Amino acid sequence: CDWMSNTIFSVEELKVATDDYARQAGQGGSAQVFLGVLGNGHGRRVAVKRYASHRGDEELQHEVSILSRVVHANVLQVLGSAPGMLVTPYLKNGNLDDVLHHSAGGA
């Protein structure tokens, strides 16, 4: 499939990368986001978005399809996916909702 053109991770690889989903970074209506490190703890820091249901698989496919086609400084690069999960670079300043709605100087 076109939406799976990035690295395909196994569920076990992402379980190891996130230390068994030990560090939750956020939660939305359909997914939880966990912090992880690829490469046996010595590699790239990532965010692993784990969808809550099979409906999440459709959302995941749609999200990867769109994000993998967009090249822009303000859009996250998709590093890969696993069944029901999306892997992106980790951003230490939080997510877009945090920046727009919960910043100290925000409205």
PDB file of N, CA and C in Angstrom:
ATOM      1  N   CYS A   1       0.835  -1.199   0.000  1.00  0.00           N
ATOM      2  CA  CYS A   1       0.000   0.000   0.000  1.00  0.00           C
ATOM      3  C   CYS A   1       0.869   1.247   0.000  1.00  0.00           C
ATOM      4  N   ASP A   2       0.371   2.314  -0.605  1.00  0.00           N
ATOM      5  CA  ASP A   2       1.081   3.582  -0.652  1.00  0.00           C
ATOM      6  C   ASP A   2       1.304   4.177   0.732  1.00  0.00           C
ATOM      7  N   TRP A   3       0.319   4.044   1.621  1.00  0.00           N
ATOM      8  CA  TRP A   3       0.429   4.654   2.948  1.00  0.00           C
ATOM      9  C   TRP A   3       1.497   3.992   3.801  1.00  0.00           C
ATOM     10  N   MET A   4       1.987   2.827   3.434  1.00  0.00           N
ATOM     11  CA  MET A   4       2.975   2.123   4.229  1.00  0.00           C
ATOM     12  C   MET A   4       4.364   2.225   3.602  1.00  0.00           C
ATOM     13  N   SER A   5       4.643   3.332   2.921  1.00  0.00           N
ATOM     14  CA  SER A   5       5.914   3.471   2.222  1.00  0.00           C
ATOM     15  C   SER A   5       7.086   3.733   3.151  1.00  0.00           C
ATOM     16  N   ASN A   6       6.846   4.031   4.411  1.00  0.00           N
ATOM     17  CA  ASN A   6       7.902   4.266   5.378  1.00  0.00           C
ATOM     18  C   ASN A   6       8.289   2.955   6.052  1.00  0.00           C
ATOM     19  N   THR A   7       9.178   3.020   7.027  1.00  0.00           N
ATOM     20  CA  THR A   7       9.626   1.824   7.733  1.00  0.00           C
ATOM     21  C   THR A   7       8.460   1.130   8.417  1.00  0.00           C
ATOM     22  N   ILE A   8       8.412  -0.167   8.272  1.00  0.00           N
ATOM     23  CA  ILE A   8       7.408  -0.973   8.957  1.00  0.00           C
ATOM     24  C   ILE A   8       8.083  -1.593  10.183  1.00  0.00           C
ATOM     25  N   PHE A   9       7.603  -1.221  11.355  1.00  0.00           N
ATOM     26  CA  PHE A   9       8.123  -1.758  12.598  1.00  0.00           C
ATOM     27  C   PHE A   9       7.227  -2.892  13.074  1.00  0.00           C
ATOM     28  N   SER A  10       7.789  -3.803  13.828  1.00  0.00           N
ATOM     29  CA  SER A  10       6.947  -4.813  14.474  1.00  0.00           C
ATOM     30  C   SER A  10       6.419  -4.214  15.771  1.00  0.00           C
ATOM     31  N   VAL A  11       5.316  -4.763  16.244  1.00  0.00           N
ATOM     32  CA  VAL A  11       4.756  -4.319  17.517  1.00  0.00           C
ATOM     33  C   VAL A  11       5.796  -4.536  18.620  1.00  0.00           C
ATOM     34  N   GLU A  12       6.523  -5.643  18.559  1.00  0.00           N
ATOM     35  CA  GLU A  12       7.554  -5.939  19.569  1.00  0.00           C
ATOM     36  C   GLU A  12       8.671  -4.898  19.556  1.00  0.00           C
ATOM     37  N   GLU A  13       9.106  -4.461  18.359  1.00  0.00           N
ATOM     38  CA  GLU A  13      10.147  -3.419  18.270  1.00  0.00           C
ATOM     39  C   GLU A  13       9.707  -2.140  18.979  1.00  0.00           C
ATOM     40  N   LEU A  14       8.453  -1.750  18.789  1.00  0.00           N
ATOM     41  CA  LEU A  14       7.972  -0.521  19.405  1.00  0.00           C
ATOM     42  C   LEU A  14       7.704  -0.703  20.888  1.00  0.00           C
ATOM     43  N   LYS A  15       7.368  -1.909  21.287  1.00  0.00           N
ATOM     44  CA  LYS A  15       7.211  -2.197  22.712  1.00  0.00           C
ATOM     45  C   LYS A  15       8.553  -2.039  23.423  1.00  0.00           C
ATOM     46  N   VAL A  16       9.613  -2.536  22.791  1.00  0.00           N
ATOM     47  CA  VAL A  16      10.963  -2.397  23.355  1.00  0.00           C
ATOM     48  C   VAL A  16      11.388  -0.928  23.336  1.00  0.00           C
ATOM     49  N   ALA A  17      11.149  -0.241  22.216  1.00  0.00           N
ATOM     50  CA  ALA A  17      11.559   1.162  22.079  1.00  0.00           C
ATOM     51  C   ALA A  17      10.903   2.056  23.114  1.00  0.00           C
ATOM     52  N   THR A  18       9.670   1.733  23.507  1.00  0.00           N
ATOM     53  CA  THR A  18       8.936   2.553  24.479  1.00  0.00           C
ATOM     54  C   THR A  18       9.035   2.017  25.898  1.00  0.00           C
ATOM     55  N   ASP A  19       9.891   1.030  26.109  1.00  0.00           N
ATOM     56  CA  ASP A  19      10.034   0.392  27.427  1.00  0.00           C
ATOM     57  C   ASP A  19       8.673  -0.100  27.916  1.00  0.00           C
ATOM     58  N   ASP A  20       8.010  -0.858  27.048  1.00  0.00           N
ATOM     59  CA  ASP A  20       6.677  -1.408  27.321  1.00  0.00           C
ATOM     60  C   ASP A  20       5.642  -0.307  27.588  1.00  0.00           C
ATOM     61  N   TYR A  21       5.729   0.765  26.792  1.00  0.00           N
ATOM     62  CA  TYR A  21       4.794   1.890  26.860  1.00  0.00           C
ATOM     63  C   TYR A  21       4.790   2.548  28.238  1.00  0.00           C
ATOM     64  N   ALA A  22       5.988   2.726  28.796  1.00  0.00           N
ATOM     65  CA  ALA A  22       6.137   3.239  30.160  1.00  0.00           C
ATOM     66  C   ALA A  22       5.992   4.759  30.272  1.00  0.00           C
ATOM     67  N   ARG A  23       6.341   5.502  29.214  1.00  0.00           N
ATOM     68  CA  ARG A  23       6.343   6.965  29.315  1.00  0.00           C
ATOM     69  C   ARG A  23       5.310   7.571  28.373  1.00  0.00           C
ATOM     70  N   GLN A  24       4.121   7.814  28.912  1.00  0.00           N
ATOM     71  CA  GLN A  24       3.052   8.392  28.095  1.00  0.00           C
ATOM     72  C   GLN A  24       3.280   9.891  27.969  1.00  0.00           C
ATOM     73  N   ALA A  25       3.230  10.386  26.733  1.00  0.00           N
ATOM     74  CA  ALA A  25       3.451  11.806  26.466  1.00  0.00           C
ATOM     75  C   ALA A  25       2.145  12.549  26.229  1.00  0.00           C
ATOM     76  N   GLY A  26       1.093  11.827  25.916  1.00  0.00           N
ATOM     77  CA  GLY A  26      -0.177  12.480  25.644  1.00  0.00           C
ATOM     78  C   GLY A  26      -1.257  11.487  25.304  1.00  0.00           C
ATOM     79  N   GLN A  27      -2.490  12.014  25.228  1.00  0.00           N
ATOM     80  CA  GLN A  27      -3.619  11.158  24.894  1.00  0.00           C
ATOM     81  C   GLN A  27      -4.669  11.999  24.196  1.00  0.00           C
ATOM     82  N   GLY A  28      -5.225  11.454  23.139  1.00  0.00           N
ATOM     83  CA  GLY A  28      -6.298  12.108  22.415  1.00  0.00           C
ATOM     84  C   GLY A  28      -7.528  11.237  22.439  1.00  0.00           C
ATOM     85  N   GLY A  29      -8.503  11.572  21.625  1.00  0.00           N
ATOM     86  CA  GLY A  29      -9.735  10.823  21.593  1.00  0.00           C
ATOM     87  C   GLY A  29      -9.592   9.418  21.068  1.00  0.00           C
ATOM     88  N   SER A  30      -8.637   9.190  20.171  1.00  0.00           N
ATOM     89  CA  SER A  30      -8.512   7.878  19.562  1.00  0.00           C
ATOM     90  C   SER A  30      -7.143   7.237  19.748  1.00  0.00           C
ATOM     91  N   ALA A  31      -6.212   7.932  20.430  1.00  0.00           N
ATOM     92  CA  ALA A  31      -4.861   7.374  20.532  1.00  0.00           C
ATOM     93  C   ALA A  31      -4.124   7.898  21.764  1.00  0.00           C
ATOM     94  N   GLN A  32      -3.117   7.138  22.176  1.00  0.00           N
ATOM     95  CA  GLN A  32      -2.184   7.543  23.215  1.00  0.00           C
ATOM     96  C   GLN A  32      -0.827   7.705  22.547  1.00  0.00           C
ATOM     97  N   VAL A  33      -0.010   8.638  23.059  1.00  0.00           N
ATOM     98  CA  VAL A  33       1.322   8.863  22.520  1.00  0.00           C
ATOM     99  C   VAL A  33       2.348   8.526  23.591  1.00  0.00           C
ATOM    100  N   PHE A  34       3.335   7.711  23.199  1.00  0.00           N
ATOM    101  CA  PHE A  34       4.377   7.276  24.127  1.00  0.00           C
ATOM    102  C   PHE A  34       5.742   7.702  23.611  1.00  0.00           C
ATOM    103  N   LEU A  35       6.637   8.013  24.525  1.00  0.00           N
ATOM    104  CA  LEU A  35       8.008   8.352  24.178  1.00  0.00           C
ATOM    105  C   LEU A  35       8.814   7.084  24.028  1.00  0.00           C
ATOM    106  N   GLY A  36       9.738   7.089  23.076  1.00  0.00           N
ATOM    107  CA  GLY A  36      10.565   5.916  22.867  1.00  0.00           C
ATOM    108  C   GLY A  36      11.904   6.276  22.266  1.00  0.00           C
ATOM    109  N   VAL A  37      12.775   5.279  22.204  1.00  0.00           N
ATOM    110  CA  VAL A  37      14.089   5.434  21.582  1.00  0.00           C
ATOM    111  C   VAL A  37      14.327   4.218  20.705  1.00  0.00           C
ATOM    112  N   LEU A  38      14.551   4.469  19.425  1.00  0.00           N
ATOM    113  CA  LEU A  38      14.855   3.375  18.505  1.00  0.00           C
ATOM    114  C   LEU A  38      16.315   2.988  18.632  1.00  0.00           C
ATOM    115  N   GLY A  39      16.659   1.797  18.227  1.00  0.00           N
ATOM    116  CA  GLY A  39      18.062   1.367  18.244  1.00  0.00           C
ATOM    117  C   GLY A  39      18.542   0.916  19.608  1.00  0.00           C
ATOM    118  N   ASN A  40      17.753   0.120  20.313  1.00  0.00           N
ATOM    119  CA  ASN A  40      18.128  -0.424  21.622  1.00  0.00           C
ATOM    120  C   ASN A  40      18.506   0.650  22.621  1.00  0.00           C
ATOM    121  N   GLY A  41      17.773   1.748  22.623  1.00  0.00           N
ATOM    122  CA  GLY A  41      17.998   2.797  23.604  1.00  0.00           C
ATOM    123  C   GLY A  41      19.126   3.756  23.277  1.00  0.00           C
ATOM    124  N   HIS A  42      19.809   3.564  22.164  1.00  0.00           N
ATOM    125  CA  HIS A  42      20.940   4.428  21.814  1.00  0.00           C
ATOM    126  C   HIS A  42      20.715   5.197  20.521  1.00  0.00           C
ATOM    127  N   GLY A  43      19.506   5.149  20.000  1.00  0.00           N
ATOM    128  CA  GLY A  43      19.236   5.752  18.699  1.00  0.00           C
ATOM    129  C   GLY A  43      18.388   6.995  18.784  1.00  0.00           C
ATOM    130  N   ARG A  44      17.523   7.137  17.831  1.00  0.00           N
ATOM    131  CA  ARG A  44      16.685   8.319  17.673  1.00  0.00           C
ATOM    132  C   ARG A  44      15.507   8.316  18.642  1.00  0.00           C
ATOM    133  N   ARG A  45      15.254   9.472  19.258  1.00  0.00           N
ATOM    134  CA  ARG A  45      14.087   9.623  20.137  1.00  0.00           C
ATOM    135  C   ARG A  45      12.850   9.786  19.268  1.00  0.00           C
ATOM    136  N   VAL A  46      11.801   9.055  19.610  1.00  0.00           N
ATOM    137  CA  VAL A  46      10.582   9.056  18.803  1.00  0.00           C
ATOM    138  C   VAL A  46       9.342   9.167  19.677  1.00  0.00           C
ATOM    139  N   ALA A  47       8.252   9.510  19.021  1.00  0.00           N
ATOM    140  CA  ALA A  47       6.923   9.458  19.631  1.00  0.00           C
ATOM    141  C   ALA A  47       6.169   8.343  18.910  1.00  0.00           C
ATOM    142  N   VAL A  48       5.547   7.472  19.689  1.00  0.00           N
ATOM    143  CA  VAL A  48       4.787   6.354  19.135  1.00  0.00           C
ATOM    144  C   VAL A  48       3.318   6.595  19.469  1.00  0.00           C
ATOM    145  N   LYS A  49       2.522   6.821  18.438  1.00  0.00           N
ATOM    146  CA  LYS A  49       1.091   7.057  18.597  1.00  0.00           C
ATOM    147  C   LYS A  49       0.388   5.720  18.438  1.00  0.00           C
ATOM    148  N   ARG A  50      -0.244   5.259  19.528  1.00  0.00           N
ATOM    149  CA  ARG A  50      -0.916   3.952  19.522  1.00  0.00           C
ATOM    150  C   ARG A  50      -2.424   4.166  19.548  1.00  0.00           C
ATOM    151  N   TYR A  51      -3.074   3.729  18.475  1.00  0.00           N
ATOM    152  CA  TYR A  51      -4.512   3.913  18.346  1.00  0.00           C
ATOM    153  C   TYR A  51      -5.261   2.915  19.215  1.00  0.00           C
ATOM    154  N   ALA A  52      -6.399   3.343  19.739  1.00  0.00           N
ATOM    155  CA  ALA A  52      -7.133   2.577  20.740  1.00  0.00           C
ATOM    156  C   ALA A  52      -7.985   1.448  20.177  1.00  0.00           C
ATOM    157  N   SER A  53      -8.369   1.491  18.902  1.00  0.00           N
ATOM    158  CA  SER A  53      -9.303   0.496  18.380  1.00  0.00           C
ATOM    159  C   SER A  53      -8.998   0.180  16.932  1.00  0.00           C
ATOM    160  N   HIS A  54      -9.745  -0.755  16.383  1.00  0.00           N
ATOM    161  CA  HIS A  54      -9.593  -1.079  14.969  1.00  0.00           C
ATOM    162  C   HIS A  54     -10.012   0.094  14.093  1.00  0.00           C
ATOM    163  N   ARG A  55     -10.905   0.914  14.576  1.00  0.00           N
ATOM    164  CA  ARG A  55     -11.251   2.133  13.843  1.00  0.00           C
ATOM    165  C   ARG A  55      -9.997   2.992  13.707  1.00  0.00           C
ATOM    166  N   GLY A  56      -9.107   2.891  14.669  1.00  0.00           N
ATOM    167  CA  GLY A  56      -7.847   3.618  14.612  1.00  0.00           C
ATOM    168  C   GLY A  56      -7.009   3.224  13.415  1.00  0.00           C
ATOM    169  N   ASP A  57      -7.147   1.975  12.932  1.00  0.00           N
ATOM    170  CA  ASP A  57      -6.390   1.547  11.753  1.00  0.00           C
ATOM    171  C   ASP A  57      -6.737   2.408  10.540  1.00  0.00           C
ATOM    172  N   GLU A  58      -8.013   2.737  10.384  1.00  0.00           N
ATOM    173  CA  GLU A  58      -8.429   3.603   9.279  1.00  0.00           C
ATOM    174  C   GLU A  58      -7.863   5.003   9.455  1.00  0.00           C
ATOM    175  N   GLU A  59      -7.916   5.511  10.687  1.00  0.00           N
ATOM    176  CA  GLU A  59      -7.359   6.835  10.962  1.00  0.00           C
ATOM    177  C   GLU A  59      -5.859   6.834  10.729  1.00  0.00           C
ATOM    178  N   LEU A  60      -5.193   5.770  11.141  1.00  0.00           N
ATOM    179  CA  LEU A  60      -3.750   5.644  10.947  1.00  0.00           C
ATOM    180  C   LEU A  60      -3.414   5.669   9.460  1.00  0.00           C
ATOM    181  N   GLN A  61      -4.107   4.903   8.663  1.00  0.00           N
ATOM    182  CA  GLN A  61      -3.859   4.860   7.225  1.00  0.00           C
ATOM    183  C   GLN A  61      -4.043   6.246   6.607  1.00  0.00           C
ATOM    184  N   HIS A  62      -5.101   6.933   7.019  1.00  0.00           N
ATOM    185  CA  HIS A  62      -5.376   8.259   6.496  1.00  0.00           C
ATOM    186  C   HIS A  62      -4.283   9.242   6.908  1.00  0.00           C
ATOM    187  N   GLU A  63      -3.888   9.217   8.178  1.00  0.00           N
ATOM    188  CA  GLU A  63      -2.866  10.125   8.681  1.00  0.00           C
ATOM    189  C   GLU A  63      -1.522   9.891   7.992  1.00  0.00           C
ATOM    190  N   VAL A  64      -1.105   8.640   7.864  1.00  0.00           N
ATOM    191  CA  VAL A  64       0.161   8.330   7.203  1.00  0.00           C
ATOM    192  C   VAL A  64       0.105   8.730   5.735  1.00  0.00           C
ATOM    193  N   SER A  65      -1.007   8.481   5.092  1.00  0.00           N
ATOM    194  CA  SER A  65      -1.161   8.840   3.688  1.00  0.00           C
ATOM    195  C   SER A  65      -0.951  10.332   3.473  1.00  0.00           C
ATOM    196  N   ILE A  66      -1.529  11.130   4.326  1.00  0.00           N
ATOM    197  CA  ILE A  66      -1.400  12.587   4.193  1.00  0.00           C
ATOM    198  C   ILE A  66      -0.001  13.048   4.594  1.00  0.00           C
ATOM    199  N   LEU A  67       0.463  12.632   5.755  1.00  0.00           N
ATOM    200  CA  LEU A  67       1.753  13.116   6.260  1.00  0.00           C
ATOM    201  C   LEU A  67       2.931  12.685   5.392  1.00  0.00           C
ATOM    202  N   SER A  68       2.844  11.519   4.777  1.00  0.00           N
ATOM    203  CA  SER A  68       3.963  11.053   3.962  1.00  0.00           C
ATOM    204  C   SER A  68       4.078  11.811   2.646  1.00  0.00           C
ATOM    205  N   ARG A  69       3.038  12.526   2.267  1.00  0.00           N
ATOM    206  CA  ARG A  69       3.055  13.301   1.021  1.00  0.00           C
ATOM    207  C   ARG A  69       3.409  14.769   1.234  1.00  0.00           C
ATOM    208  N   VAL A  70       3.307  15.240   2.468  1.00  0.00           N
ATOM    209  CA  VAL A  70       3.544  16.651   2.755  1.00  0.00           C
ATOM    210  C   VAL A  70       4.999  16.871   3.151  1.00  0.00           C
ATOM    211  N   VAL A  71       5.626  17.845   2.528  1.00  0.00           N
ATOM    212  CA  VAL A  71       6.977  18.242   2.898  1.00  0.00           C
ATOM    213  C   VAL A  71       6.909  19.705   3.303  1.00  0.00           C
ATOM    214  N   HIS A  72       7.001  19.955   4.612  1.00  0.00           N
ATOM    215  CA  HIS A  72       6.905  21.313   5.142  1.00  0.00           C
ATOM    216  C   HIS A  72       7.597  21.347   6.491  1.00  0.00           C
ATOM    217  N   ALA A  73       8.224  22.444   6.802  1.00  0.00           N
ATOM    218  CA  ALA A  73       8.973  22.579   8.056  1.00  0.00           C
ATOM    219  C   ALA A  73       8.089  22.410   9.283  1.00  0.00           C
ATOM    220  N   ASN A  74       6.791  22.682   9.182  1.00  0.00           N
ATOM    221  CA  ASN A  74       5.895  22.606  10.331  1.00  0.00           C
ATOM    222  C   ASN A  74       5.076  21.321  10.406  1.00  0.00           C
ATOM    223  N   VAL A  75       5.403  20.351   9.564  1.00  0.00           N
ATOM    224  CA  VAL A  75       4.687  19.079   9.564  1.00  0.00           C
ATOM    225  C   VAL A  75       5.673  17.967   9.901  1.00  0.00           C
ATOM    226  N   LEU A  76       5.288  17.130  10.863  1.00  0.00           N
ATOM    227  CA  LEU A  76       6.153  16.033  11.281  1.00  0.00           C
ATOM    228  C   LEU A  76       6.388  15.027  10.168  1.00  0.00           C
ATOM    229  N   GLN A  77       7.599  14.556  10.098  1.00  0.00           N
ATOM    230  CA  GLN A  77       7.953  13.480   9.173  1.00  0.00           C
ATOM    231  C   GLN A  77       7.484  12.163   9.778  1.00  0.00           C
ATOM    232  N   VAL A  78       6.889  11.315   8.979  1.00  0.00           N
ATOM    233  CA  VAL A  78       6.513   9.983   9.433  1.00  0.00           C
ATOM    234  C   VAL A  78       7.730   9.086   9.273  1.00  0.00           C
ATOM    235  N   LEU A  79       8.178   8.503  10.379  1.00  0.00           N
ATOM    236  CA  LEU A  79       9.325   7.606  10.330  1.00  0.00           C
ATOM    237  C   LEU A  79       8.912   6.189   9.983  1.00  0.00           C
ATOM    238  N   GLY A  80       7.697   5.817  10.376  1.00  0.00           N
ATOM    239  CA  GLY A  80       7.224   4.475  10.090  1.00  0.00           C
ATOM    240  C   GLY A  80       5.938   4.175  10.814  1.00  0.00           C
ATOM    241  N   SER A  81       5.553   2.902  10.745  1.00  0.00           N
ATOM    242  CA  SER A  81       4.310   2.478  11.372  1.00  0.00           C
ATOM    243  C   SER A  81       4.405   1.013  11.754  1.00  0.00           C
ATOM    244  N   ALA A  82       3.465   0.601  12.558  1.00  0.00           N
ATOM    245  CA  ALA A  82       3.252  -0.794  12.938  1.00  0.00           C
ATOM    246  C   ALA A  82       1.736  -0.957  12.993  1.00  0.00           C
ATOM    247  N   PRO A  83       1.236  -2.169  13.075  1.00  0.00           N
ATOM    248  CA  PRO A  83      -0.220  -2.319  13.163  1.00  0.00           C
ATOM    249  C   PRO A  83      -0.798  -1.478  14.306  1.00  0.00           C
ATOM    250  N   GLY A  84      -1.640  -0.515  13.948  1.00  0.00           N
ATOM    251  CA  GLY A  84      -2.287   0.331  14.937  1.00  0.00           C
ATOM    252  C   GLY A  84      -1.404   1.406  15.541  1.00  0.00           C
ATOM    253  N   MET A  85      -0.207   1.645  14.973  1.00  0.00           N
ATOM    254  CA  MET A  85       0.712   2.632  15.536  1.00  0.00           C
ATOM    255  C   MET A  85       1.393   3.454  14.454  1.00  0.00           C
ATOM    256  N   LEU A  86       1.738   4.683  14.821  1.00  0.00           N
ATOM    257  CA  LEU A  86       2.445   5.612  13.946  1.00  0.00           C
ATOM    258  C   LEU A  86       3.684   6.098  14.686  1.00  0.00           C
ATOM    259  N   VAL A  87       4.829   6.173  13.998  1.00  0.00           N
ATOM    260  CA  VAL A  87       6.088   6.596  14.612  1.00  0.00           C
ATOM    261  C   VAL A  87       6.548   7.892  13.959  1.00  0.00           C
ATOM    262  N   THR A  88       6.777   8.919  14.784  1.00  0.00           N
ATOM    263  CA  THR A  88       7.264  10.214  14.319  1.00  0.00           C
ATOM    264  C   THR A  88       8.437  10.644  15.197  1.00  0.00           C
ATOM    265  N   PRO A  89       9.197  11.646  14.764  1.00  0.00           N
ATOM    266  CA  PRO A  89      10.253  12.156  15.643  1.00  0.00           C
ATOM    267  C   PRO A  89       9.645  12.709  16.929  1.00  0.00           C
ATOM    268  N   TYR A  90      10.384  12.640  17.999  1.00  0.00           N
ATOM    269  CA  TYR A  90       9.952  13.210  19.274  1.00  0.00           C
ATOM    270  C   TYR A  90      10.222  14.713  19.272  1.00  0.00           C
ATOM    271  N   LEU A  91       9.230  15.498  19.677  1.00  0.00           N
ATOM    272  CA  LEU A  91       9.381  16.942  19.802  1.00  0.00           C
ATOM    273  C   LEU A  91       9.280  17.311  21.274  1.00  0.00           C
ATOM    274  N   LYS A  92      10.338  17.875  21.815  1.00  0.00           N
ATOM    275  CA  LYS A  92      10.377  18.126  23.257  1.00  0.00           C
ATOM    276  C   LYS A  92       9.448  19.236  23.724  1.00  0.00           C
ATOM    277  N   ASN A  93       8.953  20.071  22.836  1.00  0.00           N
ATOM    278  CA  ASN A  93       8.100  21.177  23.251  1.00  0.00           C
ATOM    279  C   ASN A  93       6.616  20.858  23.226  1.00  0.00           C
ATOM    280  N   GLY A  94       6.254  19.607  23.133  1.00  0.00           N
ATOM    281  CA  GLY A  94       4.856  19.222  23.169  1.00  0.00           C
ATOM    282  C   GLY A  94       4.231  19.161  21.798  1.00  0.00           C
ATOM    283  N   ASN A  95       2.917  18.978  21.796  1.00  0.00           N
ATOM    284  CA  ASN A  95       2.210  18.857  20.528  1.00  0.00           C
ATOM    285  C   ASN A  95       1.618  20.198  20.101  1.00  0.00           C
ATOM    286  N   LEU A  96       1.021  20.229  18.933  1.00  0.00           N
ATOM    287  CA  LEU A  96       0.470  21.462  18.397  1.00  0.00           C
ATOM    288  C   LEU A  96      -0.626  22.027  19.293  1.00  0.00           C
ATOM    289  N   ASP A  97      -1.476  21.176  19.848  1.00  0.00           N
ATOM    290  CA  ASP A  97      -2.528  21.636  20.747  1.00  0.00           C
ATOM    291  C   ASP A  97      -1.923  22.353  21.947  1.00  0.00           C
ATOM    292  N   ASP A  98      -0.851  21.811  22.520  1.00  0.00           N
ATOM    293  CA  ASP A  98      -0.177  22.457  23.650  1.00  0.00           C
ATOM    294  C   ASP A  98       0.313  23.849  23.262  1.00  0.00           C
ATOM    295  N   VAL A  99       0.950  23.940  22.111  1.00  0.00           N
ATOM    296  CA  VAL A  99       1.521  25.204  21.661  1.00  0.00           C
ATOM    297  C   VAL A  99       0.427  26.238  21.423  1.00  0.00           C
ATOM    298  N   LEU A 100      -0.672  25.814  20.788  1.00  0.00           N
ATOM    299  CA  LEU A 100      -1.724  26.760  20.435  1.00  0.00           C
ATOM    300  C   LEU A 100      -2.641  27.144  21.589  1.00  0.00           C
ATOM    301  N   HIS A 101      -2.926  26.211  22.486  1.00  0.00           N
ATOM    302  CA  HIS A 101      -3.980  26.442  23.463  1.00  0.00           C
ATOM    303  C   HIS A 101      -3.542  26.480  24.919  1.00  0.00           C
ATOM    304  N   HIS A 102      -2.357  25.997  25.233  1.00  0.00           N
ATOM    305  CA  HIS A 102      -1.980  25.886  26.639  1.00  0.00           C
ATOM    306  C   HIS A 102      -0.654  26.567  26.969  1.00  0.00           C
ATOM    307  N   SER A 103      -0.157  27.397  26.090  1.00  0.00           N
ATOM    308  CA  SER A 103       1.095  28.072  26.381  1.00  0.00           C
ATOM    309  C   SER A 103       0.893  29.140  27.433  1.00  0.00           C
ATOM    310  N   ALA A 104       1.947  29.445  28.180  1.00  0.00           N
ATOM    311  CA  ALA A 104       1.859  30.418  29.264  1.00  0.00           C
ATOM    312  C   ALA A 104       1.440  31.801  28.758  1.00  0.00           C
ATOM    313  N   GLY A 105       1.874  32.181  27.583  1.00  0.00           N
ATOM    314  CA  GLY A 105       1.538  33.499  27.050  1.00  0.00           C
ATOM    315  C   GLY A 105       0.348  33.482  26.117  1.00  0.00           C
ATOM    316  N   GLY A 106      -0.308  32.318  25.981  1.00  0.00           N
ATOM    317  CA  GLY A 106      -1.421  32.185  25.039  1.00  0.00           C
ATOM    318  C   GLY A 106      -2.679  32.837  25.509  1.00  0.00           C
ATOM    319  N   ALA A 107      -3.654  32.884  24.636  1.00  0.00           N
ATOM    320  CA  ALA A 107      -4.950  33.522  24.946  1.00  0.00           C
ATOM    321  C   ALA A 107      -5.780  32.683  25.848  1.00  0.00           C
TER     322      ALA A 107
END
